[in-house]
Amino acid sequence: MINKKYLKKLIKKSLEEDINSGDITSTALFASDFNVTARLIVKEDAILCGLDVFKEVFLQLSENCIFNFYFKDGDFLTNNTVVGTLTCPVKTMLAGERTGLNFLQHLSGVATLTHKFVKTAGKLDVYDTRKTLPLLRELEKYAVRIGGGKNHRFGLYDMVLIKDNHIYAAIQNEGFSNRIEAISEVVLKAKTKVKDKYLIEVEVENFCEAKNAFEAGANIIMFDNSKVSELESFVEFLGDNRRRIIIEWSGNVTLETIDGLKNLPIDRVSIGALTHSSKACDFSLKLEG
């Protein structure tokens, strides 16, 4: 579900950005605000995502909108499929067209790319990251779920994730001799501070760092841009303790490389590209004479 208060505020600001003081073209051309009907058409194979966002754009402009959609979010659509129709006042149609399509195209792009990764990943869970466009995180993470993926943390407030810069900052501030020593100490400090209220994840590069993070009490170990041999050494070390820890793989994962990860001893893969590198899907809103 998308938070309605958030969505209304986002759409309001988006429409203000585009319309500002008014649609000069439509005002010049049309003295009356007569009703028109347009078909919403997808121009390529895609996972549909963002219909409620699309609707909200037009409903904020006019209550006199009639939507007749033949599909729902999550449906797979083929090229040139008519998604549905929209009937509304002409000035509403032309004022909301671009904003509505922008949201629909972007969110469907995220869902479609996520779906491709999920299909290729096999048993691995596919997670997103915080690499989202400012103020669009909730929508983009919704699109990831529609595409079959899962959401990593939503922000800095709902999970402990100790990354490289946290470790290097601790080394500079507290004088640890190396990353391995620093990782043990920062995990212990985090665990003492948050107790069991939040999960603790640690980004590591090798076996020794993973071992120390595990022994200090981390819940999730993320191997980031690591060698497979380092991961395998860690899993061998875990032995019967393997079920006590979640192992995540991350770092430049692509559709070409994810197939090779399916047989690794990991639980999930996190992919920034789901949101930061998805291509918008092509949709159009066509009025016909």
C-alpha atoms as a PDB file:
ATOM      1  CA  MET A   1       0.000   0.000   0.000  1.00  0.00           C
ATOM      2  CA  ILE A   2       1.074   3.572  -0.647  1.00  0.00           C
ATOM      3  CA  ASN A   3       0.639   6.113   2.134  1.00  0.00           C
ATOM      4  CA  LYS A   4      -2.239   8.303   0.910  1.00  0.00           C
ATOM      5  CA  LYS A   5      -1.140  11.451   2.732  1.00  0.00           C
ATOM      6  CA  TYR A   6       2.339  11.160   1.249  1.00  0.00           C
ATOM      7  CA  LEU A   7       0.941  10.514  -2.217  1.00  0.00           C
ATOM      8  CA  LYS A   8      -1.434  13.485  -2.185  1.00  0.00           C
ATOM      9  CA  LYS A   9       1.330  15.841  -1.081  1.00  0.00           C
ATOM     10  CA  LEU A  10       3.755  14.485  -3.687  1.00  0.00           C
ATOM     11  CA  ILE A  11       1.248  14.797  -6.526  1.00  0.00           C
ATOM     12  CA  LYS A  12       0.296  18.317  -5.444  1.00  0.00           C
ATOM     13  CA  LYS A  13       3.926  19.464  -5.622  1.00  0.00           C
ATOM     14  CA  SER A  14       4.463  17.656  -8.926  1.00  0.00           C
ATOM     15  CA  LEU A  15       1.484  19.362 -10.544  1.00  0.00           C
ATOM     16  CA  GLU A  16       2.570  22.739  -9.211  1.00  0.00           C
ATOM     17  CA  GLU A  17       5.975  22.203 -10.793  1.00  0.00           C
ATOM     18  CA  ASP A  18       4.466  21.566 -14.230  1.00  0.00           C
ATOM     19  CA  ILE A  19       1.377  23.804 -14.288  1.00  0.00           C
ATOM     20  CA  ASN A  20       2.535  26.670 -12.081  1.00  0.00           C
ATOM     21  CA  SER A  21       0.326  29.671 -12.952  1.00  0.00           C
ATOM     22  CA  GLY A  22      -1.647  27.748 -15.588  1.00  0.00           C
ATOM     23  CA  ASP A  23      -1.662  25.772 -18.833  1.00  0.00           C
ATOM     24  CA  ILE A  24      -1.235  28.583 -21.356  1.00  0.00           C
ATOM     25  CA  THR A  25      -1.850  26.403 -24.411  1.00  0.00           C
ATOM     26  CA  SER A  26      -5.142  24.856 -23.283  1.00  0.00           C
ATOM     27  CA  THR A  27      -6.428  28.181 -21.987  1.00  0.00           C
ATOM     28  CA  ALA A  28      -5.742  29.786 -25.357  1.00  0.00           C
ATOM     29  CA  LEU A  29      -7.357  27.018 -27.386  1.00  0.00           C
ATOM     30  CA  PHE A  30     -10.460  25.996 -25.431  1.00  0.00           C
ATOM     31  CA  ALA A  31     -13.105  28.393 -24.134  1.00  0.00           C
ATOM     32  CA  SER A  32     -15.170  25.567 -22.625  1.00  0.00           C
ATOM     33  CA  ASP A  33     -14.000  22.584 -20.591  1.00  0.00           C
ATOM     34  CA  PHE A  34     -15.777  19.774 -22.463  1.00  0.00           C
ATOM     35  CA  ASN A  35     -15.269  16.083 -21.724  1.00  0.00           C
ATOM     36  CA  VAL A  36     -12.864  13.942 -23.749  1.00  0.00           C
ATOM     37  CA  THR A  37     -11.874  10.269 -23.634  1.00  0.00           C
ATOM     38  CA  ALA A  38      -8.344   8.912 -24.095  1.00  0.00           C
ATOM     39  CA  ARG A  39      -6.881   5.442 -24.229  1.00  0.00           C
ATOM     40  CA  LEU A  40      -3.906   4.582 -22.038  1.00  0.00           C
ATOM     41  CA  ILE A  41      -1.571   2.411 -24.124  1.00  0.00           C
ATOM     42  CA  VAL A  42       1.685   0.642 -23.236  1.00  0.00           C
ATOM     43  CA  LYS A  43       4.243   0.669 -26.062  1.00  0.00           C
ATOM     44  CA  GLU A  44       6.460  -2.192 -24.910  1.00  0.00           C
ATOM     45  CA  ASP A  45       6.353  -5.349 -22.782  1.00  0.00           C
ATOM     46  CA  ALA A  46       6.145  -4.235 -19.146  1.00  0.00           C
ATOM     47  CA  ILE A  47       5.029  -4.942 -15.602  1.00  0.00           C
ATOM     48  CA  LEU A  48       2.283  -2.425 -14.899  1.00  0.00           C
ATOM     49  CA  CYS A  49       2.854  -0.266 -11.819  1.00  0.00           C
ATOM     50  CA  GLY A  50       1.475   3.057 -10.633  1.00  0.00           C
ATOM     51  CA  LEU A  51      -2.198   3.123 -11.586  1.00  0.00           C
ATOM     52  CA  ASP A  52      -3.275   4.657  -8.278  1.00  0.00           C
ATOM     53  CA  VAL A  53      -0.607   7.333  -8.673  1.00  0.00           C
ATOM     54  CA  PHE A  54      -1.771   8.012 -12.235  1.00  0.00           C
ATOM     55  CA  LYS A  55      -5.365   8.339 -11.025  1.00  0.00           C
ATOM     56  CA  GLU A  56      -4.455  10.686  -8.189  1.00  0.00           C
ATOM     57  CA  VAL A  57      -2.841  13.108 -10.637  1.00  0.00           C
ATOM     58  CA  PHE A  58      -6.129  13.618 -12.508  1.00  0.00           C
ATOM     59  CA  LEU A  59      -8.365  13.501  -9.437  1.00  0.00           C
ATOM     60  CA  GLN A  60      -6.441  16.396  -7.898  1.00  0.00           C
ATOM     61  CA  LEU A  61      -7.262  18.409 -11.008  1.00  0.00           C
ATOM     62  CA  SER A  62     -10.922  17.420 -11.237  1.00  0.00           C
ATOM     63  CA  GLU A  63     -13.389  15.182  -9.425  1.00  0.00           C
ATOM     64  CA  ASN A  64     -15.129  14.584 -12.753  1.00  0.00           C
ATOM     65  CA  CYS A  65     -12.829  11.799 -13.942  1.00  0.00           C
ATOM     66  CA  ILE A  66     -13.962   8.342 -14.968  1.00  0.00           C
ATOM     67  CA  PHE A  67     -11.336   5.584 -15.098  1.00  0.00           C
ATOM     68  CA  ASN A  68     -11.908   2.241 -16.778  1.00  0.00           C
ATOM     69  CA  PHE A  69      -8.792   0.108 -16.403  1.00  0.00           C
ATOM     70  CA  TYR A  70      -8.626  -3.446 -17.746  1.00  0.00           C
ATOM     71  CA  PHE A  71      -5.529  -4.409 -15.724  1.00  0.00           C
ATOM     72  CA  LYS A  72      -4.036  -3.897 -12.262  1.00  0.00           C
ATOM     73  CA  ASP A  73      -0.586  -3.234 -10.836  1.00  0.00           C
ATOM     74  CA  GLY A  74       1.618  -6.307 -11.200  1.00  0.00           C
ATOM     75  CA  ASP A  75       0.062  -7.514 -14.459  1.00  0.00           C
ATOM     76  CA  PHE A  76       2.395  -8.285 -17.343  1.00  0.00           C
ATOM     77  CA  LEU A  77       1.466  -6.291 -20.436  1.00  0.00           C
ATOM     78  CA  THR A  78       2.636  -6.799 -23.994  1.00  0.00           C
ATOM     79  CA  ASN A  79       3.472  -4.132 -26.532  1.00  0.00           C
ATOM     80  CA  ASN A  80       0.530  -1.996 -27.759  1.00  0.00           C
ATOM     81  CA  THR A  81      -1.878  -3.227 -25.078  1.00  0.00           C
ATOM     82  CA  VAL A  82      -4.680  -0.823 -24.167  1.00  0.00           C
ATOM     83  CA  VAL A  83      -4.481  -0.537 -20.376  1.00  0.00           C
ATOM     84  CA  GLY A  84      -7.809   1.290 -20.108  1.00  0.00           C
ATOM     85  CA  THR A  85      -9.552   4.587 -20.729  1.00  0.00           C
ATOM     86  CA  LEU A  86      -9.855   7.939 -18.988  1.00  0.00           C
ATOM     87  CA  THR A  87     -12.765  10.338 -19.464  1.00  0.00           C
ATOM     88  CA  CYS A  88     -12.475  13.826 -17.979  1.00  0.00           C
ATOM     89  CA  PRO A  89     -12.638  17.550 -18.841  1.00  0.00           C
ATOM     90  CA  VAL A  90     -10.233  18.408 -21.657  1.00  0.00           C
ATOM     91  CA  LYS A  91      -8.222  20.897 -19.597  1.00  0.00           C
ATOM     92  CA  THR A  92      -7.770  18.288 -16.867  1.00  0.00           C
ATOM     93  CA  MET A  93      -6.627  15.722 -19.429  1.00  0.00           C
ATOM     94  CA  LEU A  94      -4.020  18.000 -20.965  1.00  0.00           C
ATOM     95  CA  ALA A  95      -2.814  19.444 -17.664  1.00  0.00           C
ATOM     96  CA  GLY A  96      -2.322  16.056 -16.000  1.00  0.00           C
ATOM     97  CA  GLU A  97      -1.136  13.991 -18.975  1.00  0.00           C
ATOM     98  CA  ARG A  98       2.608  14.463 -18.644  1.00  0.00           C
ATOM     99  CA  THR A  99       2.790  14.198 -14.860  1.00  0.00           C
ATOM    100  CA  GLY A 100       0.577  11.117 -14.804  1.00  0.00           C
ATOM    101  CA  LEU A 101       2.567   9.382 -17.518  1.00  0.00           C
ATOM    102  CA  ASN A 102       5.891  10.301 -15.935  1.00  0.00           C
ATOM    103  CA  PHE A 103       4.958   8.491 -12.734  1.00  0.00           C
ATOM    104  CA  LEU A 104       3.466   5.509 -14.550  1.00  0.00           C
ATOM    105  CA  GLN A 105       6.448   5.110 -16.870  1.00  0.00           C
ATOM    106  CA  HIS A 106       9.031   5.367 -14.108  1.00  0.00           C
ATOM    107  CA  LEU A 107       7.317   3.027 -11.658  1.00  0.00           C
ATOM    108  CA  SER A 108       6.542   0.466 -14.346  1.00  0.00           C
ATOM    109  CA  GLY A 109      10.210   0.653 -15.358  1.00  0.00           C
ATOM    110  CA  VAL A 110      11.331  -0.141 -11.808  1.00  0.00           C
ATOM    111  CA  ALA A 111       8.819  -2.999 -11.512  1.00  0.00           C
ATOM    112  CA  THR A 112       9.793  -4.410 -14.912  1.00  0.00           C
ATOM    113  CA  LEU A 113      13.530  -4.400 -14.200  1.00  0.00           C
ATOM    114  CA  THR A 114      12.939  -5.920 -10.759  1.00  0.00           C
ATOM    115  CA  HIS A 115      10.847  -8.676 -12.334  1.00  0.00           C
ATOM    116  CA  LYS A 116      13.704  -9.520 -14.704  1.00  0.00           C
ATOM    117  CA  PHE A 117      16.150  -9.799 -11.807  1.00  0.00           C
ATOM    118  CA  VAL A 118      13.753 -11.912  -9.744  1.00  0.00           C
ATOM    119  CA  LYS A 119      13.180 -14.331 -12.624  1.00  0.00           C
ATOM    120  CA  THR A 120      16.918 -14.748 -13.130  1.00  0.00           C
ATOM    121  CA  ALA A 121      17.810 -14.976  -9.429  1.00  0.00           C
ATOM    122  CA  GLY A 122      16.060 -18.288  -8.809  1.00  0.00           C
ATOM    123  CA  LYS A 123      15.811 -19.038  -5.079  1.00  0.00           C
ATOM    124  CA  LEU A 124      17.689 -15.887  -4.071  1.00  0.00           C
ATOM    125  CA  ASP A 125      15.679 -13.033  -2.598  1.00  0.00           C
ATOM    126  CA  VAL A 126      16.194  -9.800  -4.524  1.00  0.00           C
ATOM    127  CA  TYR A 127      16.380  -6.663  -2.350  1.00  0.00           C
ATOM    128  CA  ASP A 128      16.500  -2.996  -3.241  1.00  0.00           C
ATOM    129  CA  THR A 129      18.673  -0.294  -1.598  1.00  0.00           C
ATOM    130  CA  ARG A 130      18.441   3.373  -0.566  1.00  0.00           C
ATOM    131  CA  LYS A 131      19.669   4.434  -4.011  1.00  0.00           C
ATOM    132  CA  THR A 132      16.367   6.084  -4.842  1.00  0.00           C
ATOM    133  CA  LEU A 133      15.348   9.476  -6.176  1.00  0.00           C
ATOM    134  CA  PRO A 134      14.762  12.016  -3.388  1.00  0.00           C
ATOM    135  CA  LEU A 135      11.111  12.039  -2.237  1.00  0.00           C
ATOM    136  CA  LEU A 136      10.228   9.067  -4.481  1.00  0.00           C
ATOM    137  CA  ARG A 137      11.547   6.326  -2.204  1.00  0.00           C
ATOM    138  CA  GLU A 138       8.162   5.073  -1.029  1.00  0.00           C
ATOM    139  CA  LEU A 139       6.867   4.836  -4.600  1.00  0.00           C
ATOM    140  CA  GLU A 140      10.030   3.217  -5.944  1.00  0.00           C
ATOM    141  CA  LYS A 141      10.117   0.659  -3.165  1.00  0.00           C
ATOM    142  CA  TYR A 142       6.444  -0.054  -3.863  1.00  0.00           C
ATOM    143  CA  ALA A 143       7.387  -0.667  -7.503  1.00  0.00           C
ATOM    144  CA  VAL A 144      10.114  -3.085  -6.399  1.00  0.00           C
ATOM    145  CA  ARG A 145       7.521  -5.095  -4.460  1.00  0.00           C
ATOM    146  CA  ILE A 146       5.168  -5.086  -7.448  1.00  0.00           C
ATOM    147  CA  GLY A 147       8.034  -6.505  -9.517  1.00  0.00           C
ATOM    148  CA  GLY A 148       8.510  -9.355  -7.042  1.00  0.00           C
ATOM    149  CA  GLY A 149      11.450  -7.936  -5.118  1.00  0.00           C
ATOM    150  CA  LYS A 150      11.811  -7.130  -1.431  1.00  0.00           C
ATOM    151  CA  ASN A 151      12.564  -3.926   0.402  1.00  0.00           C
ATOM    152  CA  HIS A 152      15.772  -3.366   2.325  1.00  0.00           C
ATOM    153  CA  ARG A 153      15.633  -0.662   4.998  1.00  0.00           C
ATOM    154  CA  PHE A 154      13.531   2.385   4.125  1.00  0.00           C
ATOM    155  CA  GLY A 155      15.919   4.857   5.720  1.00  0.00           C
ATOM    156  CA  LEU A 156      18.480   5.480   8.401  1.00  0.00           C
ATOM    157  CA  TYR A 157      15.815   5.086  11.081  1.00  0.00           C
ATOM    158  CA  ASP A 158      14.702   1.461  10.825  1.00  0.00           C
ATOM    159  CA  MET A 159      17.874  -0.638  10.893  1.00  0.00           C
ATOM    160  CA  VAL A 160      21.564  -0.559  11.816  1.00  0.00           C
ATOM    161  CA  LEU A 161      23.712  -0.913   8.709  1.00  0.00           C
ATOM    162  CA  ILE A 162      27.421  -0.445   9.345  1.00  0.00           C
ATOM    163  CA  LYS A 163      29.137   0.506   6.103  1.00  0.00           C
ATOM    164  CA  ASP A 164      32.688   1.406   5.055  1.00  0.00           C
ATOM    165  CA  ASN A 165      32.481   5.038   6.086  1.00  0.00           C
ATOM    166  CA  HIS A 166      31.214   4.122   9.558  1.00  0.00           C
ATOM    167  CA  ILE A 167      34.195   1.804   9.965  1.00  0.00           C
ATOM    168  CA  TYR A 168      36.756   4.333   8.691  1.00  0.00           C
ATOM    169  CA  ALA A 169      35.229   7.081  10.841  1.00  0.00           C
ATOM    170  CA  ALA A 170      35.611   4.838  13.888  1.00  0.00           C
ATOM    171  CA  ILE A 171      39.234   4.133  12.969  1.00  0.00           C
ATOM    172  CA  GLN A 172      39.967   7.873  12.697  1.00  0.00           C
ATOM    173  CA  ASN A 173      38.138   8.749  15.894  1.00  0.00           C
ATOM    174  CA  GLU A 174      39.114   5.885  18.167  1.00  0.00           C
ATOM    175  CA  GLY A 175      42.488   4.852  16.771  1.00  0.00           C
ATOM    176  CA  PHE A 176      41.755   1.248  15.858  1.00  0.00           C
ATOM    177  CA  SER A 177      44.707  -0.367  14.121  1.00  0.00           C
ATOM    178  CA  ASN A 178      42.720  -1.894  11.261  1.00  0.00           C
ATOM    179  CA  ARG A 179      39.253  -2.585   9.847  1.00  0.00           C
ATOM    180  CA  ILE A 180      38.959  -5.987  11.492  1.00  0.00           C
ATOM    181  CA  GLU A 181      39.462  -4.588  14.977  1.00  0.00           C
ATOM    182  CA  ALA A 182      37.154  -1.665  14.212  1.00  0.00           C
ATOM    183  CA  ILE A 183      34.358  -3.939  12.953  1.00  0.00           C
ATOM    184  CA  SER A 184      34.327  -5.966  16.176  1.00  0.00           C
ATOM    185  CA  GLU A 185      34.114  -2.848  18.311  1.00  0.00           C
ATOM    186  CA  VAL A 186      31.484  -0.964  16.311  1.00  0.00           C
ATOM    187  CA  VAL A 187      29.214  -4.020  16.150  1.00  0.00           C
ATOM    188  CA  LEU A 188      29.496  -4.522  19.908  1.00  0.00           C
ATOM    189  CA  LYS A 189      28.810  -0.823  20.491  1.00  0.00           C
ATOM    190  CA  ALA A 190      25.755  -0.890  18.218  1.00  0.00           C
ATOM    191  CA  LYS A 191      24.437  -4.057  19.837  1.00  0.00           C
ATOM    192  CA  THR A 192      24.787  -2.530  23.308  1.00  0.00           C
ATOM    193  CA  LYS A 193      23.046   0.641  22.209  1.00  0.00           C
ATOM    194  CA  VAL A 194      20.074  -0.779  20.280  1.00  0.00           C
ATOM    195  CA  LYS A 195      19.856  -4.129  22.091  1.00  0.00           C
ATOM    196  CA  ASP A 196      17.322  -6.239  20.157  1.00  0.00           C
ATOM    197  CA  LYS A 197      15.215  -3.339  18.873  1.00  0.00           C
ATOM    198  CA  TYR A 198      16.874  -3.242  15.432  1.00  0.00           C
ATOM    199  CA  LEU A 199      18.676  -5.713  13.209  1.00  0.00           C
ATOM    200  CA  ILE A 200      22.383  -5.115  12.769  1.00  0.00           C
ATOM    201  CA  GLU A 201      23.934  -5.553   9.328  1.00  0.00           C
ATOM    202  CA  VAL A 202      27.616  -5.128   8.522  1.00  0.00           C
ATOM    203  CA  GLU A 203      29.263  -4.556   5.162  1.00  0.00           C
ATOM    204  CA  VAL A 204      32.446  -6.645   4.873  1.00  0.00           C
ATOM    205  CA  GLU A 205      35.098  -7.317   2.259  1.00  0.00           C
ATOM    206  CA  ASN A 206      36.611 -10.624   3.354  1.00  0.00           C
ATOM    207  CA  PHE A 207      36.435 -13.672   5.597  1.00  0.00           C
ATOM    208  CA  CYS A 208      38.204 -12.128   8.598  1.00  0.00           C
ATOM    209  CA  GLU A 209      35.869  -9.136   8.674  1.00  0.00           C
ATOM    210  CA  ALA A 210      32.824 -11.390   8.316  1.00  0.00           C
ATOM    211  CA  LYS A 211      34.053 -13.676  11.104  1.00  0.00           C
ATOM    212  CA  ASN A 212      34.571 -10.783  13.509  1.00  0.00           C
ATOM    213  CA  ALA A 213      31.207  -9.231  12.656  1.00  0.00           C
ATOM    214  CA  PHE A 214      29.466 -12.550  13.288  1.00  0.00           C
ATOM    215  CA  GLU A 215      31.261 -13.162  16.581  1.00  0.00           C
ATOM    216  CA  ALA A 216      30.379  -9.630  17.731  1.00  0.00           C
ATOM    217  CA  GLY A 217      26.671 -10.354  17.188  1.00  0.00           C
ATOM    218  CA  ALA A 218      25.703  -9.047  13.742  1.00  0.00           C
ATOM    219  CA  ASN A 219      22.451 -10.402  12.303  1.00  0.00           C
ATOM    220  CA  ILE A 220      23.265  -9.893   8.628  1.00  0.00           C
ATOM    221  CA  ILE A 221      26.621 -10.023   6.854  1.00  0.00           C
ATOM    222  CA  MET A 222      26.831  -8.234   3.502  1.00  0.00           C
ATOM    223  CA  PHE A 223      29.695  -9.243   1.251  1.00  0.00           C
ATOM    224  CA  ASP A 224      30.201  -6.147  -0.893  1.00  0.00           C
ATOM    225  CA  ASN A 225      32.368  -6.453  -4.021  1.00  0.00           C
ATOM    226  CA  SER A 226      34.065  -9.443  -2.439  1.00  0.00           C
ATOM    227  CA  LYS A 227      35.766 -12.535  -3.806  1.00  0.00           C
ATOM    228  CA  VAL A 228      33.722 -15.735  -3.806  1.00  0.00           C
ATOM    229  CA  SER A 229      36.566 -17.503  -2.026  1.00  0.00           C
ATOM    230  CA  GLU A 230      36.180 -15.141   0.971  1.00  0.00           C
ATOM    231  CA  LEU A 231      32.473 -15.972   1.176  1.00  0.00           C
ATOM    232  CA  GLU A 232      33.137 -19.697   0.947  1.00  0.00           C
ATOM    233  CA  SER A 233      35.711 -19.506   3.734  1.00  0.00           C
ATOM    234  CA  PHE A 234      33.179 -17.763   5.953  1.00  0.00           C
ATOM    235  CA  VAL A 235      30.456 -20.338   5.296  1.00  0.00           C
ATOM    236  CA  GLU A 236      32.940 -23.132   6.038  1.00  0.00           C
ATOM    237  CA  PHE A 237      33.823 -21.413   9.309  1.00  0.00           C
ATOM    238  CA  LEU A 238      30.133 -21.113  10.267  1.00  0.00           C
ATOM    239  CA  GLY A 239      29.465 -24.819   9.981  1.00  0.00           C
ATOM    240  CA  ASP A 240      26.340 -25.633  12.018  1.00  0.00           C
ATOM    241  CA  ASN A 241      25.916 -21.918  12.825  1.00  0.00           C
ATOM    242  CA  ARG A 242      25.001 -21.119   9.238  1.00  0.00           C
ATOM    243  CA  ARG A 243      21.309 -20.732  10.110  1.00  0.00           C
ATOM    244  CA  ARG A 244      22.094 -18.093  12.732  1.00  0.00           C
ATOM    245  CA  ILE A 245      23.138 -15.502  10.166  1.00  0.00           C
ATOM    246  CA  ILE A 246      21.720 -13.979   6.970  1.00  0.00           C
ATOM    247  CA  ILE A 247      24.281 -13.621   4.211  1.00  0.00           C
ATOM    248  CA  GLU A 248      23.774 -10.917   1.605  1.00  0.00           C
ATOM    249  CA  TRP A 249      25.737 -10.317  -1.605  1.00  0.00           C
ATOM    250  CA  SER A 250      26.042  -6.875  -3.141  1.00  0.00           C
ATOM    251  CA  GLY A 251      28.112  -4.772  -5.507  1.00  0.00           C
ATOM    252  CA  ASN A 252      27.614  -4.158  -9.233  1.00  0.00           C
ATOM    253  CA  VAL A 253      25.120  -6.982  -9.676  1.00  0.00           C
ATOM    254  CA  THR A 254      23.686  -6.998 -13.215  1.00  0.00           C
ATOM    255  CA  LEU A 255      21.286  -9.164 -15.198  1.00  0.00           C
ATOM    256  CA  GLU A 256      24.353 -10.703 -16.816  1.00  0.00           C
ATOM    257  CA  THR A 257      26.087 -11.595 -13.537  1.00  0.00           C
ATOM    258  CA  ILE A 258      23.206 -12.554 -11.269  1.00  0.00           C
ATOM    259  CA  ASP A 259      22.800 -15.973 -12.878  1.00  0.00           C
ATOM    260  CA  GLY A 260      26.254 -16.874 -11.587  1.00  0.00           C
ATOM    261  CA  LEU A 261      25.233 -16.028  -8.025  1.00  0.00           C
ATOM    262  CA  LYS A 262      22.386 -18.544  -7.801  1.00  0.00           C
ATOM    263  CA  ASN A 263      24.589 -21.365  -6.579  1.00  0.00           C
ATOM    264  CA  LEU A 264      26.520 -19.338  -4.012  1.00  0.00           C
ATOM    265  CA  PRO A 265      25.838 -20.040  -0.306  1.00  0.00           C
ATOM    266  CA  ILE A 266      23.967 -16.756   0.182  1.00  0.00           C
ATOM    267  CA  ASP A 267      20.417 -15.860   1.160  1.00  0.00           C
ATOM    268  CA  ARG A 268      19.821 -12.681  -0.766  1.00  0.00           C
ATOM    269  CA  VAL A 269      21.260 -10.119  -3.115  1.00  0.00           C
ATOM    270  CA  SER A 270      20.832  -6.334  -2.896  1.00  0.00           C
ATOM    271  CA  ILE A 271      20.815  -4.363  -6.143  1.00  0.00           C
ATOM    272  CA  GLY A 272      20.957  -0.588  -6.390  1.00  0.00           C
ATOM    273  CA  ALA A 273      20.234  -0.757 -10.107  1.00  0.00           C
ATOM    274  CA  LEU A 274      16.594  -1.699  -9.450  1.00  0.00           C
ATOM    275  CA  THR A 275      15.870   1.939  -8.695  1.00  0.00           C
ATOM    276  CA  HIS A 276      18.828   3.996  -9.904  1.00  0.00           C
ATOM    277  CA  SER A 277      19.213   2.438 -13.357  1.00  0.00           C
ATOM    278  CA  SER A 278      15.755   1.303 -14.453  1.00  0.00           C
ATOM    279  CA  LYS A 279      14.577   2.495 -17.865  1.00  0.00           C
ATOM    280  CA  ALA A 280      11.171   4.140 -18.039  1.00  0.00           C
ATOM    281  CA  CYS A 281       8.567   2.063 -19.858  1.00  0.00           C
ATOM    282  CA  ASP A 282       6.820   3.729 -22.785  1.00  0.00           C
ATOM    283  CA  PHE A 283       3.165   4.639 -22.225  1.00  0.00           C
ATOM    284  CA  SER A 284       0.942   7.069 -24.122  1.00  0.00           C
ATOM    285  CA  LEU A 285      -2.431   8.701 -23.511  1.00  0.00           C
ATOM    286  CA  LYS A 286      -4.173   8.991 -26.862  1.00  0.00           C
ATOM    287  CA  LEU A 287      -7.231  11.058 -27.735  1.00  0.00           C
ATOM    288  CA  GLU A 288      -8.764  10.142 -31.054  1.00  0.00           C
ATOM    289  CA  GLY A 289     -10.918  12.228 -33.325  1.00  0.00           C
END
